[in-house]
Every structure is written in structure tokens, then in C-alpha cells.
Amino acid sequence: MRHLIDFGDLSREEWDTLYARASQIMDDPAQFMDVCRGRVSCNLFYEPSTRTNFSFQTAMMRLGGTVFGFADPNSSSVSKGETLKDTVKMVSGYADVLVMRTPWEGAAKAASLYSPIPVVNAGDGGHMHPTQTTADLTTITRLRGGVDGLSIGLCGDLKNGRTVHSLIKAMEKFRDVKFFLISPRELAVPEYIRAFMREHNIWFTEVSGLEAVIPQLDVLYMTRIQRERFVDPLEYERNKGIYILTRRKLDRAKPDMLVMHPLPRVDEITVDVDDDPRAAYFQQARYGMFARMALLADLANQPRLERTDAVEIGTKPVCTNPRCITQTEHYLPPLVKKNGGKDCCAFCDAELK
């Protein structure tokens, strides 16, 4: 069974095929109107979402399929204490593909252990968001002609920004990409992301100021400071509003630089930037729908498994990350993987201590 839990699940060749299909859909959508006729997607959104939820729903409907699910776990049996495993086992009996957004890091990986249908990670806490990466790469490729050789600035909350983590991991598949990581020290990328970049010889530098590096960038990827990821409200107050992109700051940027943002924005891009031809974030949201159509056209048409493999039953979590899915779903197996030569949780990538 093929899932999309992490963009690393795709090879460069598979990505090229996926983009080619997305491009075909953009150019001739009528050709794909019945690709998923009779197929059903189950969308389980355990935390608020606008773009990702609507994008997946619209993508499936434009392919001729149908959608069910929930956007509020309090309206489901989760509120009664149903485990993630049981929810997945139950809904997978009704659907052909399962799309999940959760606040728990590693939840999509956990679901894939028990699902006889493909699982798509639509965002797991502050960990990964691979389908946003397909939207990002589709946007860059469509508007810039390719990804190889670009200088990309990632600005804002890089600690909790799952879109940022997924995009960095995707760049292992491309050549000569440079990253300028722009954040305050307390919101810098997690160590497992640094280890990944070093292991794969991805060039990066970490800076705290935007204006000094903006002239060097081909893509500026803004992110909001995510209030919902902060345990300490005072830490959020110290960091909110620290980076704000204005038309004046854009005067120093290249005339063909792309301004991207996974949205929603708060105050990190002023509204007068919207009319600048370099502002691509609303196009990015639309391209995300086409990228997800290309993905669902493949995954929703996979044959379902008759039964899933037996999974070891865990007794207590080996991971100490408080946001890891193993902290609440104690039956999960104690899976470990190597990352930068260190033992890490196979669900959330946190280093095991």
C-alpha cells in the first residue's frame, strides 16, 4: 500500500510524474473529470483548516469522486475516547483514500500502520505537511520553470512550521538549492532538520534579519508565528510581528522573486504587497488544488488491501516529545529510525534521549 506521509516517500522521478500530471490537469481539466468517478475520500481534520480541507474536497469532486469526514473531532466518536487506530480501521472500510490533518506529530504515520487504503498526511502538528510541499513545488515550477539552482529564503516560525520542514526535506531531490533560514533563535529549525541538511549536503545559513538577505533570494517563503504551537504565551508575544514584509522591503528584491506563503497570514505580509506581481501566495493556494488532484488521481485508484500486516503492540512511549502521537496512543509500537546518525522516533523524528 502506497501512502504519502513525508515528501521523502516520493522519488525525484515520481515527483516529476506527479507535476506532469498536475500540469496536464491545469491545461486540460476536462480530461480528468471522471478519473475518480465512484471513488470516495475520507477527510479527517482534527484541527482547523481552510485551504487544505477545501483544497482536498474540491480536488476529489473535480475528479468526479465524493468526500465525507469531519472538520471537528468533537462531532465524532473521538470525543467518546475512540483511539486513532479504531477510527482508521472503521473509516477505511467506507473509503478509498484517507486524508488526515491532526495536531499530533506522527499521527499520519501511525494511521498508515493500520489502514488498508492509502493515507495522506495533510499536516501533523508542527512536524510535516507534504501535500503543501507539492503545492509549493508546483507553484515554483510553474512560475519559475524549475527548482534546481534557486536561492530560497524561509522566514518566520521555522521551529513549528511543518510546511518549512517538508519543503526543506523535499529539496534533497533537487540540485544546488540554497536556503536562507530567517528566524529568531528560539524559533529556528529543529535539530533533526539541520542534521538532514548536513547529511544531504544542502547549503544553508541561519540569519535573524530579512532585509540583509532579500536581494539574494529567488523565492521568499513567509510563514506566520503560530500562536497555537506555543506552550508559553509570553514566548508568542515576544515573537509575534517580528517579520513583516512590506512594499518598501520588496524594493530591494529581485524583479522576478516569488513571494510565497502557505496561508493563513496574520500580519507578516502587508495587504499592499498583494498587488505586486511577485506575490504568488493566492496562486499557490490554487495550484495546491491541482497538485492534490494529481495525487488523488493516483492514490484513490489503488486497490485496497484485504488485510494489513500485524503490528507490534507497544506498552509505553519511548519518545519524550510531548506533541508526539505516541504520548496519547500507547499501543503504538516503539519504532526507531536513524537521522544524522542519531536514534530518532520514527513517528515524529524527535531525537530519543
Protein backbone atom coordinates (compact mmCIF):
# COMPACT_ATOMS: atom_id res chain seq x y z
CA MET A 1 0.00 0.00 0.00
CA ARG A 2 1.38 3.41 -1.01
CA HIS A 3 0.98 6.34 1.40
CA LEU A 4 2.19 9.94 1.44
CA ILE A 5 3.39 10.62 4.98
CA ASP A 6 6.54 12.57 4.16
CA PHE A 7 7.64 14.09 0.86
CA GLY A 8 10.66 11.80 1.17
CA ASP A 9 8.28 8.95 0.30
CA LEU A 10 8.49 10.20 -3.32
CA SER A 11 11.48 9.79 -5.61
CA ARG A 12 12.52 12.63 -7.93
CA GLU A 13 11.10 10.67 -10.85
CA GLU A 14 7.77 10.22 -9.06
CA TRP A 15 7.63 13.92 -8.30
CA ASP A 16 8.34 14.76 -11.95
CA THR A 17 5.50 12.42 -12.96
CA LEU A 18 3.18 13.99 -10.38
CA TYR A 19 3.98 17.51 -11.58
CA ALA A 20 3.49 16.49 -15.20
CA ARG A 21 0.02 15.19 -14.30
CA ALA A 22 -0.79 18.39 -12.35
CA SER A 23 0.31 20.44 -15.33
CA GLN A 24 -1.93 18.41 -17.63
CA ILE A 25 -4.86 18.98 -15.28
CA MET A 26 -4.22 22.73 -15.28
CA ASP A 27 -4.05 22.83 -19.08
CA ASP A 28 -6.98 20.48 -19.78
CA PRO A 29 -9.13 19.87 -16.67
CA ALA A 30 -11.98 18.34 -18.66
CA GLN A 31 -9.77 15.35 -19.47
CA PHE A 32 -9.74 14.39 -15.76
CA MET A 33 -13.40 14.91 -14.84
CA ASP A 34 -14.11 11.19 -14.37
CA VAL A 35 -10.73 9.88 -13.17
CA CYS A 36 -12.11 9.23 -9.67
CA ARG A 37 -15.72 8.53 -10.61
CA GLY A 38 -17.09 6.15 -7.96
CA ARG A 39 -14.16 6.75 -5.59
CA VAL A 40 -14.59 8.12 -2.07
CA SER A 41 -12.22 10.17 0.06
CA CYS A 42 -12.47 10.29 3.85
CA ASN A 43 -11.10 13.58 5.21
CA LEU A 44 -10.39 13.56 8.95
CA PHE A 45 -9.44 17.05 10.14
CA TYR A 46 -8.72 17.04 13.86
CA GLU A 47 -7.71 20.72 13.84
CA PRO A 48 -8.94 23.82 11.97
CA SER A 49 -8.11 24.14 8.29
CA THR A 50 -9.44 26.20 5.42
CA ARG A 51 -7.14 25.84 2.40
CA THR A 52 -6.04 22.24 2.91
CA ASN A 53 -9.52 20.93 3.75
CA PHE A 54 -11.29 22.83 0.97
CA SER A 55 -8.49 22.03 -1.47
CA PHE A 56 -8.74 18.28 -0.89
CA GLN A 57 -12.54 18.33 -1.05
CA THR A 58 -12.56 20.31 -4.28
CA ALA A 59 -9.79 18.20 -5.79
CA MET A 60 -11.76 15.00 -5.27
CA MET A 61 -15.01 16.48 -6.56
CA ARG A 62 -13.32 17.89 -9.68
CA LEU A 63 -12.06 14.36 -10.39
CA GLY A 64 -15.61 13.01 -10.19
CA GLY A 65 -15.30 11.48 -6.71
CA THR A 66 -17.09 12.15 -3.43
CA VAL A 67 -15.97 13.15 0.07
CA PHE A 68 -17.06 12.54 3.66
CA GLY A 69 -15.41 13.11 7.03
CA PHE A 70 -15.27 15.66 9.82
CA ALA A 71 -13.69 19.05 10.41
CA ASP A 72 -14.34 18.93 14.17
CA PRO A 73 -13.37 15.83 16.17
CA ASN A 74 -15.92 16.77 18.83
CA SER A 75 -18.63 15.77 16.37
CA SER A 76 -17.19 12.25 16.05
CA SER A 77 -16.56 9.24 18.29
CA VAL A 78 -13.12 10.67 19.05
CA SER A 79 -14.92 12.76 21.67
CA LYS A 80 -16.01 9.49 23.32
CA GLY A 81 -12.43 8.25 23.58
CA GLU A 82 -12.12 6.25 20.35
CA THR A 83 -8.48 5.53 19.53
CA LEU A 84 -6.81 6.67 16.31
CA LYS A 85 -6.37 3.02 15.32
CA ASP A 86 -10.08 2.25 15.69
CA THR A 87 -11.10 5.39 13.83
CA VAL A 88 -8.80 4.49 10.94
CA LYS A 89 -9.96 0.86 10.86
CA MET A 90 -13.57 1.98 10.80
CA VAL A 91 -13.49 4.76 8.19
CA SER A 92 -11.16 2.86 5.87
CA GLY A 93 -13.98 0.39 5.39
CA TYR A 94 -16.02 3.13 3.71
CA ALA A 95 -13.41 4.99 1.64
CA ASP A 96 -10.71 4.56 -1.00
CA VAL A 97 -8.24 7.13 0.38
CA LEU A 98 -7.80 8.70 3.83
CA VAL A 99 -6.68 12.34 4.24
CA MET A 100 -5.65 13.38 7.77
CA ARG A 101 -4.86 16.69 9.49
CA THR A 102 -4.02 16.41 13.20
CA PRO A 103 -2.26 18.39 15.95
CA TRP A 104 -0.25 15.27 16.90
CA GLU A 105 3.14 14.77 15.29
CA GLY A 106 3.46 11.37 13.65
CA ALA A 107 -0.29 10.67 13.57
CA ALA A 108 -0.40 10.03 9.81
CA LYS A 109 2.49 7.58 10.13
CA ALA A 110 0.60 5.82 12.93
CA ALA A 111 -2.58 5.65 10.82
CA SER A 112 -0.69 4.10 7.91
CA LEU A 113 0.19 1.09 10.07
CA TYR A 114 -3.47 0.09 10.31
CA SER A 115 -5.01 1.32 7.08
CA PRO A 116 -5.84 -0.94 4.08
CA ILE A 117 -6.20 2.21 1.93
CA PRO A 118 -3.68 4.99 1.18
CA VAL A 119 -3.14 7.56 3.94
CA VAL A 120 -2.25 11.14 3.03
CA ASN A 121 -0.64 13.38 5.63
CA ALA A 122 -2.41 16.76 5.37
CA GLY A 123 -0.35 18.14 8.27
CA ASP A 124 0.66 16.58 11.59
CA GLY A 125 1.23 19.21 14.26
CA GLY A 126 4.48 21.13 13.75
CA HIS A 127 6.09 18.16 12.01
CA MET A 128 5.37 17.70 8.27
CA HIS A 129 2.96 18.82 5.55
CA PRO A 130 3.95 17.01 2.33
CA THR A 131 0.95 17.99 0.22
CA GLN A 132 1.64 21.66 0.93
CA THR A 133 5.09 20.91 -0.47
CA THR A 134 3.52 19.58 -3.65
CA ALA A 135 1.62 22.89 -3.84
CA ASP A 136 4.83 24.85 -3.25
CA LEU A 137 6.86 22.94 -5.83
CA THR A 138 4.04 23.14 -8.36
CA THR A 139 3.94 26.91 -7.88
CA ILE A 140 7.71 27.35 -8.18
CA THR A 141 7.98 25.07 -11.20
CA ARG A 142 5.00 26.63 -12.97
CA LEU A 143 6.15 30.21 -12.37
CA ARG A 144 9.94 29.83 -12.43
CA GLY A 145 10.32 26.90 -14.82
CA GLY A 146 12.10 24.67 -12.30
CA VAL A 147 13.54 24.34 -8.80
CA ASP A 148 17.20 23.46 -9.35
CA GLY A 149 19.69 26.21 -8.54
CA LEU A 150 17.32 28.51 -6.62
CA SER A 151 18.09 30.55 -3.50
CA ILE A 152 15.14 30.24 -1.14
CA GLY A 153 14.50 32.32 1.96
CA LEU A 154 12.34 30.74 4.68
CA CYS A 155 11.17 33.40 7.11
CA GLY A 156 9.27 33.29 10.40
CA ASP A 157 8.45 30.39 12.72
CA LEU A 158 10.81 27.72 11.42
CA LYS A 159 10.62 25.67 14.62
CA ASN A 160 6.92 24.84 14.36
CA GLY A 161 6.47 25.39 10.62
CA ARG A 162 5.60 21.97 9.20
CA THR A 163 5.41 23.47 5.69
CA VAL A 164 9.00 24.62 6.08
CA HIS A 165 10.21 21.23 7.33
CA SER A 166 8.56 19.42 4.42
CA LEU A 167 9.94 21.87 1.85
CA ILE A 168 13.48 21.52 3.18
CA LYS A 169 13.27 17.73 3.07
CA ALA A 170 11.95 17.88 -0.50
CA MET A 171 14.99 19.82 -1.68
CA GLU A 172 17.21 16.79 -1.22
CA LYS A 173 15.81 15.70 -4.59
CA PHE A 174 16.94 18.87 -6.41
CA ARG A 175 20.33 20.31 -7.33
CA ASP A 176 22.21 23.32 -5.97
CA VAL A 177 19.38 24.75 -3.86
CA LYS A 178 20.44 27.26 -1.20
CA PHE A 179 18.43 28.03 1.94
CA PHE A 180 18.49 31.25 3.91
CA LEU A 181 16.78 30.40 7.21
CA ILE A 182 15.46 33.64 8.68
CA SER A 183 14.14 33.42 12.25
CA PRO A 184 14.81 34.42 15.84
CA ARG A 185 17.00 31.89 17.62
CA GLU A 186 14.14 30.49 19.70
CA LEU A 187 12.13 29.75 16.51
CA ALA A 188 14.97 28.24 14.49
CA VAL A 189 14.56 24.92 12.64
CA PRO A 190 14.65 21.77 14.81
CA GLU A 191 17.95 19.96 15.09
CA TYR A 192 16.70 16.97 13.08
CA ILE A 193 16.15 19.31 10.11
CA ARG A 194 19.72 20.68 10.43
CA ALA A 195 21.01 17.12 10.63
CA PHE A 196 19.05 16.26 7.47
CA MET A 197 20.52 19.21 5.56
CA ARG A 198 24.06 18.38 6.64
CA GLU A 199 23.60 14.70 5.81
CA HIS A 200 22.38 15.55 2.29
CA ASN A 201 24.83 18.42 1.67
CA ILE A 202 22.10 21.04 1.34
CA TRP A 203 23.60 24.54 1.59
CA PHE A 204 22.04 26.67 4.31
CA THR A 205 22.75 29.64 6.51
CA GLU A 206 20.80 30.84 9.54
CA VAL A 207 20.22 34.57 9.99
CA SER A 208 17.93 36.74 12.09
CA GLY A 209 17.33 39.61 9.64
CA LEU A 210 15.26 39.62 6.45
CA GLU A 211 16.32 42.85 4.78
CA ALA A 212 20.02 41.95 4.54
CA VAL A 213 19.41 38.77 2.53
CA ILE A 214 16.33 39.64 0.46
CA PRO A 215 18.39 40.86 -2.57
CA GLN A 216 19.88 37.35 -2.92
CA LEU A 217 16.61 35.43 -3.00
CA ASP A 218 14.73 33.83 -5.90
CA VAL A 219 11.90 32.76 -3.59
CA LEU A 220 10.84 34.28 -0.28
CA TYR A 221 8.64 31.90 1.71
CA MET A 222 6.96 33.78 4.54
CA THR A 223 5.31 31.98 7.47
CA ARG A 224 3.22 33.21 10.37
CA ILE A 225 4.22 32.96 14.01
CA GLN A 226 1.91 30.13 15.05
CA ARG A 227 0.15 31.03 18.30
CA GLU A 228 -1.36 27.53 18.61
CA ARG A 229 2.07 25.83 18.77
CA PHE A 230 3.35 27.86 21.75
CA VAL A 231 3.19 26.38 25.23
CA ASP A 232 4.26 29.69 26.77
CA PRO A 233 2.00 32.65 25.76
CA LEU A 234 4.78 35.09 26.67
CA GLU A 235 7.08 33.46 24.12
CA TYR A 236 4.44 34.07 21.46
CA GLU A 237 4.05 37.70 22.49
CA ARG A 238 7.82 38.21 22.23
CA ASN A 239 7.93 36.89 18.69
CA LYS A 240 4.69 37.97 17.01
CA GLY A 241 5.13 40.67 14.41
CA ILE A 242 8.91 40.23 14.31
CA TYR A 243 8.95 39.87 10.49
CA ILE A 244 6.64 41.96 8.33
CA LEU A 245 7.08 42.08 4.55
CA THR A 246 6.14 45.47 3.06
CA ARG A 247 6.29 47.02 -0.41
CA ARG A 248 9.25 49.09 0.76
CA LYS A 249 11.24 45.98 1.66
CA LEU A 250 10.37 44.46 -1.72
CA ASP A 251 12.16 47.37 -3.42
CA ARG A 252 15.44 45.60 -2.62
CA ALA A 253 14.32 42.22 -4.02
CA LYS A 254 14.87 40.80 -7.49
CA PRO A 255 12.19 41.78 -10.00
CA ASP A 256 11.30 38.12 -10.57
CA MET A 257 11.47 36.91 -6.97
CA LEU A 258 8.41 34.93 -5.87
CA VAL A 259 6.72 35.82 -2.58
CA MET A 260 5.06 32.69 -1.20
CA HIS A 261 3.11 31.87 1.96
CA PRO A 262 1.20 28.71 2.94
CA LEU A 263 -1.53 30.93 4.50
CA PRO A 264 -3.33 31.98 6.58
CA ARG A 265 -1.38 35.17 7.14
CA VAL A 266 -1.76 37.39 10.16
CA ASP A 267 0.43 40.48 9.85
CA GLU A 268 3.60 39.11 8.26
CA ILE A 269 2.70 40.35 4.75
CA THR A 270 1.02 43.75 4.45
CA VAL A 271 -2.01 43.94 2.17
CA ASP A 272 -0.29 46.36 -0.23
CA VAL A 273 2.04 43.53 -1.25
CA ASP A 274 -0.94 41.64 -2.74
CA ASP A 275 -0.90 43.78 -5.87
CA ASP A 276 2.82 43.30 -6.50
CA PRO A 277 3.36 40.92 -9.47
CA ARG A 278 5.80 38.95 -7.35
CA ALA A 279 3.08 37.99 -4.83
CA ALA A 280 2.25 34.35 -5.59
CA TYR A 281 0.51 33.14 -2.43
CA PHE A 282 -3.05 33.15 -3.75
CA GLN A 283 -1.91 31.41 -6.94
CA GLN A 284 -0.06 28.99 -4.68
CA ALA A 285 -3.34 28.05 -2.96
CA ARG A 286 -4.98 27.36 -6.35
CA TYR A 287 -2.01 25.37 -7.63
CA GLY A 288 -2.27 23.29 -4.46
CA MET A 289 -5.68 22.07 -5.59
CA PHE A 290 -4.23 20.88 -8.92
CA ALA A 291 -1.31 19.18 -7.16
CA ARG A 292 -3.75 17.36 -4.87
CA MET A 293 -5.87 16.35 -7.86
CA ALA A 294 -2.79 14.77 -9.42
CA LEU A 295 -2.05 12.94 -6.15
CA LEU A 296 -5.62 11.68 -5.60
CA ALA A 297 -5.91 10.53 -9.21
CA ASP A 298 -3.21 8.01 -8.36
CA LEU A 299 -3.83 7.09 -4.71
CA ALA A 300 -7.63 6.87 -4.78
CA ASN A 301 -7.42 4.34 -7.61
CA GLN A 302 -5.09 1.94 -5.82
CA PRO A 303 -6.58 -1.45 -4.93
CA ARG A 304 -7.29 -1.80 -1.21
CA LEU A 305 -5.51 -4.41 0.89
CA GLU A 306 -7.50 -7.39 2.09
CA ARG A 307 -5.78 -7.06 5.46
CA THR A 308 -2.90 -5.08 6.93
CA ASP A 309 0.23 -6.63 8.44
CA ALA A 310 0.25 -7.39 12.15
CA VAL A 311 1.78 -4.58 14.21
CA GLU A 312 3.69 -4.97 17.46
CA ILE A 313 1.72 -3.72 20.45
CA GLY A 314 3.51 -1.07 22.49
CA THR A 315 3.27 -0.65 26.24
CA LYS A 316 4.68 2.84 26.84
CA PRO A 317 6.13 5.58 24.61
CA VAL A 318 9.88 5.65 24.03
CA CYS A 319 9.62 9.20 22.67
CA THR A 320 9.59 12.14 25.09
CA ASN A 321 8.27 14.73 22.63
CA PRO A 322 5.01 15.90 24.31
CA ARG A 323 3.43 16.51 20.88
CA CYS A 324 4.19 13.01 19.56
CA ILE A 325 1.25 10.72 18.80
CA THR A 326 2.87 8.02 20.98
CA GLN A 327 2.13 10.13 24.06
CA THR A 328 -1.61 9.51 23.72
CA GLU A 329 -1.82 6.28 21.69
CA HIS A 330 0.22 3.98 23.91
CA TYR A 331 -0.47 0.81 21.89
CA LEU A 332 1.77 2.10 19.09
CA PRO A 333 4.98 0.13 18.52
CA PRO A 334 8.29 1.66 19.69
CA LEU A 335 9.58 2.47 16.19
CA VAL A 336 13.07 3.96 15.89
CA LYS A 337 14.97 5.30 12.88
CA LYS A 338 18.37 6.87 12.24
CA ASN A 339 18.57 10.57 11.43
CA GLY A 340 22.01 12.13 11.08
CA GLY A 341 23.49 9.10 12.84
CA LYS A 342 21.22 9.51 15.87
CA ASP A 343 18.31 7.40 17.08
CA CYS A 344 15.04 9.23 16.49
CA CYS A 345 11.36 8.48 16.89
CA ALA A 346 10.06 7.05 13.62
CA PHE A 347 6.75 8.86 14.11
CA CYS A 348 7.78 12.46 14.92
CA ASP A 349 11.56 12.49 14.15
CA ALA A 350 12.45 13.78 17.63
CA GLU A 351 15.80 12.57 18.94
CA LEU A 352 15.43 9.81 21.52
CA LYS A 353 17.07 10.61 24.84
